[in-house]
Amino acid sequence: MFATWRIGRIFGVPTELHWSFVLVPLAILFYAYQPGYGLRWPQVQWWSGISGLLFLFVLIHELGHALTAKARGVKAEKIILFPLGGGALIPEEPERTRDEVLIYAAGPLANLLVAALALGVLILQPNGDMLIRYYLDQSSNLIVLPAMLERLLGITVAVNVVLAVGNLLPAYPLDGGRILRALLKVGIADRKATVITTVMGITIGLALIGVSYVLGDPLLGISALFIITFSAAELNRGWQRRRLARSVMEQVLRPSNDSRLYANDTVYRARAAFALTDATVLPVFDNYNELSGFVEKEVLQREADRNHPLRYYYEAEFITARPDDNLLDLTERIVEANVYGAAVYAEGKVVGYVYTEDVIRLLDRSRRRFYKRFKAPASP
């Protein structure tokens, strides 16, 4: 679902296309096809040009974020471009509020700069003043026939202004929402600032769906759904972080036992061990009884030969923790390391394990308890 293709490095920033770009040629052919006439090639060329311009303007927007981040000493990992937008992946938030505001404001400012340059060129055209009046009020009686260059300049101004203004709406995950959250964090807690901007994102998204219905604009409706989805996901992520911060490790700790799997054991024995537990991941030890890694049940069921030794299939990577470690910090370390779980040590010995699956179960149980508060009591 999230497959991308690398197209190169632009100003040193890795840039990728989302798989959904394969739908763009299909959309162009759809809009250029006329029943009873066939494919209108001038329309194919026109919509291809418009798509190329939109791609360029979104790229400029994301480069504004990425290059400003690099200038402020913040890592910009890559840019991912979608047919209707894009995103500059900045893994870590800037430490200073000023840097965060500048980074997220740089995208809209880049679009406004492009719009200003195109507007200047448009005004310098022989009928520049009349063209401006024509674009502002196309229902007027002005007799103006813009040339191809003038039409493209008008589109450049309009699209970049829409990109800038639309992204400055105070709704997460838009730039305006991120700027608002950065400013709110100065006076209130990070969690409260996130709740305010994500709730505003959901509210504004719902309002935009209503506007898209009235205007008959499906693209606006799709963009509104994007805002709602990401706002709700961020709100849920914040709830999960808060829940983990309040939880203790004992709630997800699987104690160590005497029954052990070794790297030289067969897959058959490992499958038998999985049959005796509800865990989907088990630890694997070396010949010195030292923890060597973890093996996943699904891997053994999907691709392993029952007579092969387990060492061909387990992952020899894990992180360590102490019983008094914060569960939220530990979970973030597990996710960042991209491993199955962590080994918990006390006085130099393994006392248990924390697996990602158990953390997910904890959050799922908490969510169900939350929803039960709002269920009506059963009738007698």
Protein backbone atom coordinates (compact mmCIF):
# COMPACT_ATOMS: atom_id res chain seq x y z
CA MET A 1 0.00 0.00 0.00
CA PHE A 2 2.87 2.39 0.76
CA ALA A 3 5.25 1.27 -2.03
CA THR A 4 7.34 4.06 -3.54
CA TRP A 5 9.88 4.41 -6.36
CA ARG A 6 13.07 6.43 -5.99
CA ILE A 7 13.45 8.98 -8.80
CA GLY A 8 16.72 10.49 -7.58
CA ARG A 9 18.15 13.12 -5.23
CA ILE A 10 17.02 16.70 -5.74
CA PHE A 11 19.32 19.22 -4.08
CA GLY A 12 20.64 16.32 -2.02
CA VAL A 13 17.20 15.19 -0.81
CA PRO A 14 16.10 11.65 -1.81
CA THR A 15 12.80 11.93 -3.70
CA GLU A 16 10.29 9.13 -4.27
CA LEU A 17 7.00 8.67 -6.11
CA HIS A 18 4.08 6.92 -4.43
CA TRP A 19 2.64 3.93 -6.29
CA SER A 20 -0.65 5.79 -6.83
CA PHE A 21 1.07 7.83 -9.56
CA VAL A 22 0.21 4.96 -11.93
CA LEU A 23 -3.37 6.26 -11.75
CA VAL A 24 -2.43 9.64 -13.24
CA PRO A 25 -2.17 8.45 -16.90
CA LEU A 26 -5.49 6.63 -16.48
CA ALA A 27 -7.12 9.81 -15.16
CA ILE A 28 -5.73 11.82 -18.09
CA LEU A 29 -7.12 9.34 -20.60
CA PHE A 30 -10.48 9.36 -18.80
CA TYR A 31 -10.84 13.15 -18.94
CA ALA A 32 -9.58 13.32 -22.54
CA TYR A 33 -12.02 10.70 -23.84
CA GLN A 34 -15.24 11.88 -25.48
CA PRO A 35 -18.02 9.31 -26.17
CA GLY A 36 -18.74 9.02 -29.88
CA TYR A 37 -15.54 10.83 -30.80
CA GLY A 38 -12.76 8.96 -29.09
CA LEU A 39 -9.57 10.16 -27.52
CA ARG A 40 -8.92 13.87 -27.99
CA TRP A 41 -5.14 14.20 -28.23
CA PRO A 42 -5.06 17.99 -27.63
CA GLN A 43 -6.81 17.30 -24.31
CA VAL A 44 -4.30 14.56 -23.51
CA GLN A 45 -1.50 17.06 -24.06
CA TRP A 46 -3.28 19.74 -22.01
CA TRP A 47 -4.00 17.53 -19.00
CA SER A 48 -0.50 16.04 -19.18
CA GLY A 49 0.92 19.55 -19.00
CA ILE A 50 -1.33 20.48 -16.07
CA SER A 51 -0.32 17.30 -14.24
CA GLY A 52 3.34 18.10 -14.83
CA LEU A 53 2.89 21.63 -13.46
CA LEU A 54 1.05 20.37 -10.38
CA PHE A 55 3.83 17.84 -9.80
CA LEU A 56 6.42 20.64 -10.07
CA PHE A 57 4.56 22.96 -7.68
CA VAL A 58 4.13 20.24 -5.04
CA LEU A 59 7.82 19.35 -5.40
CA ILE A 60 8.77 23.01 -4.86
CA HIS A 61 6.56 23.06 -1.77
CA GLU A 62 8.19 19.97 -0.25
CA LEU A 63 11.69 21.14 -1.17
CA GLY A 64 10.91 24.32 0.76
CA HIS A 65 10.36 22.19 3.87
CA ALA A 66 13.30 19.85 3.30
CA LEU A 67 15.92 22.47 2.40
CA THR A 68 14.88 24.77 5.25
CA ALA A 69 15.14 21.82 7.64
CA LYS A 70 18.67 21.06 6.42
CA ALA A 71 19.60 24.74 6.77
CA ARG A 72 18.39 24.68 10.39
CA GLY A 73 20.39 21.53 11.18
CA VAL A 74 17.37 19.19 11.11
CA LYS A 75 17.51 15.95 9.11
CA ALA A 76 15.18 15.71 6.11
CA GLU A 77 15.11 12.01 5.34
CA LYS A 78 13.27 12.10 2.02
CA ILE A 79 10.37 13.52 0.00
CA ILE A 80 7.43 11.36 -1.06
CA LEU A 81 5.17 12.71 -3.82
CA PHE A 82 1.53 11.71 -4.28
CA PRO A 83 -0.78 12.62 -7.20
CA LEU A 84 -2.60 15.20 -5.06
CA GLY A 85 0.20 16.27 -2.74
CA GLY A 86 3.35 15.17 -1.02
CA GLY A 87 5.29 15.04 2.19
CA ALA A 88 8.80 15.85 3.39
CA LEU A 89 9.74 13.19 5.94
CA ILE A 90 11.39 14.89 8.91
CA PRO A 91 11.83 12.12 11.54
CA GLU A 92 12.65 14.38 14.51
CA GLU A 93 10.92 17.58 15.50
CA PRO A 94 13.18 20.64 15.80
CA GLU A 95 14.13 21.51 19.37
CA ARG A 96 13.48 25.23 18.94
CA THR A 97 10.00 26.59 18.22
CA ARG A 98 11.42 29.13 15.78
CA ASP A 99 13.01 26.40 13.67
CA GLU A 100 9.81 24.36 13.65
CA VAL A 101 7.73 27.34 12.51
CA LEU A 102 10.24 28.25 9.80
CA ILE A 103 10.41 24.68 8.46
CA TYR A 104 6.64 24.24 8.18
CA ALA A 105 6.09 27.77 6.84
CA ALA A 106 8.76 27.33 4.15
CA GLY A 107 6.53 25.17 1.90
CA PRO A 108 3.66 27.69 1.57
CA LEU A 109 6.17 30.55 1.27
CA ALA A 110 7.88 28.75 -1.63
CA ASN A 111 4.52 28.47 -3.42
CA LEU A 112 3.75 32.15 -2.78
CA LEU A 113 7.14 33.07 -4.25
CA VAL A 114 6.39 31.07 -7.41
CA ALA A 115 2.95 32.69 -7.62
CA ALA A 116 4.47 36.17 -7.24
CA LEU A 117 7.02 35.51 -10.01
CA ALA A 118 4.34 34.17 -12.36
CA LEU A 119 2.09 37.14 -11.56
CA GLY A 120 4.90 39.54 -12.37
CA VAL A 121 5.49 37.90 -15.75
CA LEU A 122 1.74 37.91 -16.43
CA ILE A 123 1.45 41.63 -15.70
CA LEU A 124 4.30 42.33 -18.12
CA GLN A 125 2.36 40.78 -21.00
CA PRO A 126 0.94 43.25 -23.60
CA ASN A 127 -2.60 42.94 -22.15
CA GLY A 128 -1.46 42.16 -18.62
CA ASP A 129 -3.91 44.42 -16.79
CA MET A 130 -6.87 43.08 -18.79
CA LEU A 131 -5.72 39.49 -18.24
CA ILE A 132 -5.66 40.05 -14.48
CA ARG A 133 -9.18 41.51 -14.58
CA TYR A 134 -10.30 38.60 -16.77
CA TYR A 135 -8.94 35.96 -14.38
CA LEU A 136 -10.47 37.69 -11.35
CA ASP A 137 -13.91 37.95 -12.99
CA GLN A 138 -14.40 35.67 -15.97
CA SER A 139 -18.10 36.58 -16.14
CA SER A 140 -17.24 40.16 -17.12
CA ASN A 141 -17.69 41.48 -20.64
CA LEU A 142 -13.96 41.73 -21.30
CA ILE A 143 -13.02 40.24 -24.65
CA VAL A 144 -9.73 38.58 -23.87
CA LEU A 145 -8.34 35.43 -25.45
CA PRO A 146 -5.31 34.38 -23.41
CA ALA A 147 -2.51 32.69 -25.31
CA MET A 148 -1.13 29.35 -24.13
CA LEU A 149 1.68 30.98 -22.13
CA GLU A 150 -0.75 33.39 -20.51
CA ARG A 151 -3.11 30.55 -19.56
CA LEU A 152 -0.22 28.62 -18.00
CA LEU A 153 0.88 31.71 -16.07
CA GLY A 154 -2.65 32.18 -14.75
CA ILE A 155 -2.82 28.54 -13.70
CA THR A 156 0.58 28.86 -12.01
CA VAL A 157 -0.61 31.82 -9.95
CA ALA A 158 -3.91 30.19 -9.01
CA VAL A 159 -2.54 26.72 -8.13
CA ASN A 160 0.33 28.04 -6.02
CA VAL A 161 -1.93 30.42 -4.11
CA VAL A 162 -4.37 27.56 -3.44
CA LEU A 163 -1.51 25.29 -2.30
CA ALA A 164 -0.16 27.97 0.03
CA VAL A 165 -3.49 29.07 1.52
CA GLY A 166 -4.86 25.54 1.75
CA ASN A 167 -1.78 24.27 3.57
CA LEU A 168 -1.91 27.16 6.03
CA LEU A 169 -5.31 26.09 7.36
CA PRO A 170 -4.93 25.45 11.15
CA ALA A 171 -5.62 21.73 10.80
CA TYR A 172 -3.31 18.80 11.35
CA PRO A 173 -1.47 17.46 9.33
CA LEU A 174 -1.39 20.60 7.19
CA ASP A 175 1.45 23.07 7.63
CA GLY A 176 -0.84 25.55 9.38
CA GLY A 177 -1.80 22.92 11.94
CA ARG A 178 1.84 22.03 12.57
CA ILE A 179 2.75 25.70 12.98
CA LEU A 180 -0.16 26.20 15.38
CA ARG A 181 0.90 23.15 17.41
CA ALA A 182 4.47 24.44 17.63
CA LEU A 183 3.24 27.81 18.93
CA LEU A 184 0.77 26.24 21.39
CA LYS A 185 3.48 23.99 22.84
CA VAL A 186 5.20 27.10 24.18
CA GLY A 187 2.37 27.77 26.62
CA ILE A 188 0.72 24.35 27.10
CA ALA A 189 1.80 20.72 27.11
CA ASP A 190 2.67 18.93 23.89
CA ARG A 191 -0.24 16.52 24.36
CA LYS A 192 -2.83 19.32 24.73
CA ALA A 193 -1.43 21.16 21.71
CA THR A 194 -1.72 17.97 19.63
CA VAL A 195 -5.29 17.35 20.77
CA ILE A 196 -6.33 20.90 19.86
CA THR A 197 -4.81 20.80 16.35
CA THR A 198 -6.03 17.28 15.54
CA VAL A 199 -9.57 18.02 16.70
CA MET A 200 -9.47 21.18 14.58
CA GLY A 201 -8.24 19.03 11.69
CA ILE A 202 -11.21 16.68 11.99
CA THR A 203 -13.63 19.61 12.31
CA ILE A 204 -12.20 21.52 9.34
CA GLY A 205 -12.08 18.30 7.30
CA LEU A 206 -15.78 17.67 7.93
CA ALA A 207 -16.56 21.26 6.94
CA LEU A 208 -14.56 20.85 3.72
CA ILE A 209 -16.54 17.72 2.86
CA GLY A 210 -19.70 19.83 3.07
CA VAL A 211 -18.14 22.50 0.86
CA SER A 212 -17.02 19.86 -1.68
CA TYR A 213 -20.59 18.54 -1.84
CA VAL A 214 -22.02 22.02 -2.44
CA LEU A 215 -19.42 22.83 -5.11
CA GLY A 216 -19.52 19.37 -6.63
CA ASP A 217 -15.74 19.08 -6.27
CA PRO A 218 -14.68 15.46 -5.58
CA LEU A 219 -10.97 16.36 -5.30
CA LEU A 220 -11.73 18.72 -2.42
CA GLY A 221 -13.68 15.92 -0.74
CA ILE A 222 -10.75 13.52 -1.14
CA SER A 223 -8.39 16.12 0.35
CA ALA A 224 -10.79 16.60 3.27
CA LEU A 225 -10.83 12.85 3.93
CA PHE A 226 -7.03 12.93 3.93
CA ILE A 227 -7.07 15.63 6.63
CA ILE A 228 -9.62 13.75 8.75
CA THR A 229 -7.78 10.43 8.45
CA PHE A 230 -4.38 11.80 9.44
CA SER A 231 -5.81 13.94 12.25
CA ALA A 232 -7.66 10.95 13.70
CA ALA A 233 -4.53 8.77 13.38
CA GLU A 234 -2.38 11.35 15.18
CA LEU A 235 -5.02 11.76 17.89
CA ASN A 236 -5.06 7.99 18.38
CA ARG A 237 -1.26 7.86 18.43
CA GLY A 238 -1.23 10.50 21.15
CA TRP A 239 -3.74 8.47 23.16
CA GLN A 240 -1.55 5.38 22.79
CA ARG A 241 1.55 7.24 23.95
CA ARG A 242 -0.32 8.56 26.98
CA ARG A 243 -1.56 5.07 27.82
CA LEU A 244 1.91 3.55 27.56
CA ALA A 245 3.42 6.34 29.65
CA ARG A 246 0.99 5.45 32.45
CA SER A 247 1.50 1.69 32.18
CA VAL A 248 4.16 -0.43 33.87
CA MET A 249 6.33 -3.10 32.31
CA GLU A 250 4.79 -5.89 34.42
CA GLN A 251 1.61 -5.56 32.36
CA VAL A 252 3.33 -6.85 29.23
CA LEU A 253 6.35 -8.73 30.63
CA ARG A 254 6.54 -12.39 29.64
CA PRO A 255 8.65 -14.15 32.30
CA SER A 256 11.58 -16.30 31.30
CA ASN A 257 11.12 -20.08 31.71
CA ASP A 258 13.30 -23.17 31.71
CA SER A 259 12.03 -24.45 28.35
CA ARG A 260 14.40 -22.96 25.81
CA LEU A 261 14.95 -22.98 22.07
CA TYR A 262 18.50 -23.14 20.76
CA ALA A 263 19.91 -22.09 17.41
CA ASN A 264 20.73 -25.71 16.56
CA ASP A 265 17.25 -27.00 17.39
CA THR A 266 15.12 -28.13 14.47
CA VAL A 267 12.20 -26.20 13.11
CA TYR A 268 10.01 -29.14 14.14
CA ARG A 269 10.95 -28.65 17.81
CA ALA A 270 10.36 -24.91 17.56
CA ARG A 271 6.88 -25.45 16.13
CA ALA A 272 6.12 -27.80 19.04
CA ALA A 273 7.24 -25.09 21.48
CA PHE A 274 4.95 -22.54 19.83
CA ALA A 275 2.04 -24.98 20.18
CA LEU A 276 2.38 -24.74 23.98
CA THR A 277 2.08 -20.93 24.16
CA ASP A 278 -0.02 -18.07 22.80
CA ALA A 279 3.11 -16.09 21.95
CA THR A 280 3.93 -15.50 18.30
CA VAL A 281 7.59 -14.79 19.08
CA LEU A 282 10.02 -16.85 21.20
CA PRO A 283 13.63 -16.28 22.30
CA VAL A 284 16.50 -18.30 20.84
CA PHE A 285 19.71 -19.10 22.77
CA ASP A 286 23.21 -20.12 21.72
CA ASN A 287 25.24 -23.06 23.03
CA TYR A 288 26.45 -20.95 25.96
CA ASN A 289 22.88 -20.32 27.17
CA GLU A 290 23.15 -16.68 26.17
CA LEU A 291 20.21 -15.00 24.44
CA SER A 292 20.95 -14.86 20.72
CA GLY A 293 17.74 -13.47 19.18
CA PHE A 294 14.06 -14.13 18.50
CA VAL A 295 12.11 -16.28 16.06
CA GLU A 296 8.61 -15.60 14.74
CA LYS A 297 5.99 -18.33 14.51
CA GLU A 298 4.73 -17.13 11.14
CA VAL A 299 8.20 -17.41 9.58
CA LEU A 300 8.48 -21.05 10.61
CA GLN A 301 5.02 -21.86 9.28
CA ARG A 302 5.48 -20.05 5.99
CA GLU A 303 8.93 -20.83 4.68
CA ALA A 304 10.85 -23.22 6.94
CA ASP A 305 11.71 -26.90 6.42
CA ARG A 306 10.84 -28.90 9.55
CA ASN A 307 14.26 -30.62 9.61
CA HIS A 308 16.33 -27.48 9.16
CA PRO A 309 18.13 -25.96 12.17
CA LEU A 310 16.51 -22.91 13.70
CA ARG A 311 19.59 -20.73 13.10
CA TYR A 312 18.53 -20.21 9.49
CA TYR A 313 15.28 -18.51 10.47
CA TYR A 314 15.66 -16.51 13.68
CA GLU A 315 16.56 -12.83 13.90
CA ALA A 316 19.79 -12.28 15.81
CA GLU A 317 18.90 -8.71 16.78
CA PHE A 318 17.21 -7.40 19.91
CA ILE A 319 17.44 -4.62 22.47
CA THR A 320 17.79 -4.85 26.23
CA ALA A 321 15.94 -3.19 29.08
CA ARG A 322 15.65 -3.07 32.86
CA PRO A 323 12.49 -3.88 34.84
CA ASP A 324 12.10 -0.24 35.91
CA ASP A 325 12.37 1.22 32.37
CA ASN A 326 9.52 3.38 31.09
CA LEU A 327 7.23 1.31 28.84
CA LEU A 328 6.68 4.16 26.36
CA ASP A 329 10.42 4.73 25.94
CA LEU A 330 11.01 0.98 25.56
CA THR A 331 8.28 0.64 22.93
CA GLU A 332 9.74 3.52 20.93
CA ARG A 333 13.17 1.87 21.10
CA ILE A 334 11.72 -1.43 19.84
CA VAL A 335 9.97 0.32 16.94
CA GLU A 336 13.05 2.38 16.05
CA ALA A 337 15.29 -0.71 16.07
CA ASN A 338 12.68 -2.65 14.03
CA VAL A 339 13.05 -5.82 16.12
CA TYR A 340 10.58 -8.31 17.58
CA GLY A 341 11.07 -7.21 21.16
CA ALA A 342 13.35 -6.58 24.10
CA ALA A 343 15.08 -8.80 26.66
CA VAL A 344 14.64 -7.54 30.23
CA TYR A 345 17.71 -8.06 32.43
CA ALA A 346 18.04 -7.88 36.21
CA GLU A 347 21.37 -8.51 37.92
CA GLY A 348 22.85 -9.80 34.67
CA LYS A 349 20.14 -12.41 34.05
CA VAL A 350 17.18 -12.46 31.66
CA VAL A 351 14.00 -12.17 33.73
CA GLY A 352 11.54 -11.79 30.86
CA TYR A 353 10.69 -10.37 27.48
CA VAL A 354 8.60 -7.54 26.07
CA TYR A 355 7.16 -8.21 22.60
CA THR A 356 5.49 -5.70 20.32
CA GLU A 357 2.44 -7.96 20.03
CA ASP A 358 1.85 -7.79 23.80
CA VAL A 359 2.09 -3.98 23.78
CA ILE A 360 -0.54 -3.93 21.00
CA ARG A 361 -2.78 -6.22 23.05
CA LEU A 362 -2.44 -3.92 26.05
CA LEU A 363 -3.56 -0.94 23.97
CA ASP A 364 -6.42 -2.96 22.47
CA ARG A 365 -7.68 -3.96 25.93
CA SER A 366 -7.46 -0.36 27.09
CA ARG A 367 -9.45 0.82 24.07
CA ARG A 368 -12.16 -1.75 24.71
CA ARG A 369 -12.44 -0.70 28.35
CA PHE A 370 -12.75 2.91 27.20
CA TYR A 371 -15.60 2.09 24.78
CA LYS A 372 -17.43 0.04 27.43
CA ARG A 373 -17.93 3.20 29.49
CA PHE A 374 -20.28 4.51 26.81
CA LYS A 375 -22.30 1.35 26.27
CA ALA A 376 -25.83 1.34 27.61
CA PRO A 377 -26.40 -1.08 30.52
CA ALA A 378 -28.08 -4.35 29.60
CA SER A 379 -31.82 -4.59 30.11
CA PRO A 380 -32.91 -6.75 33.08
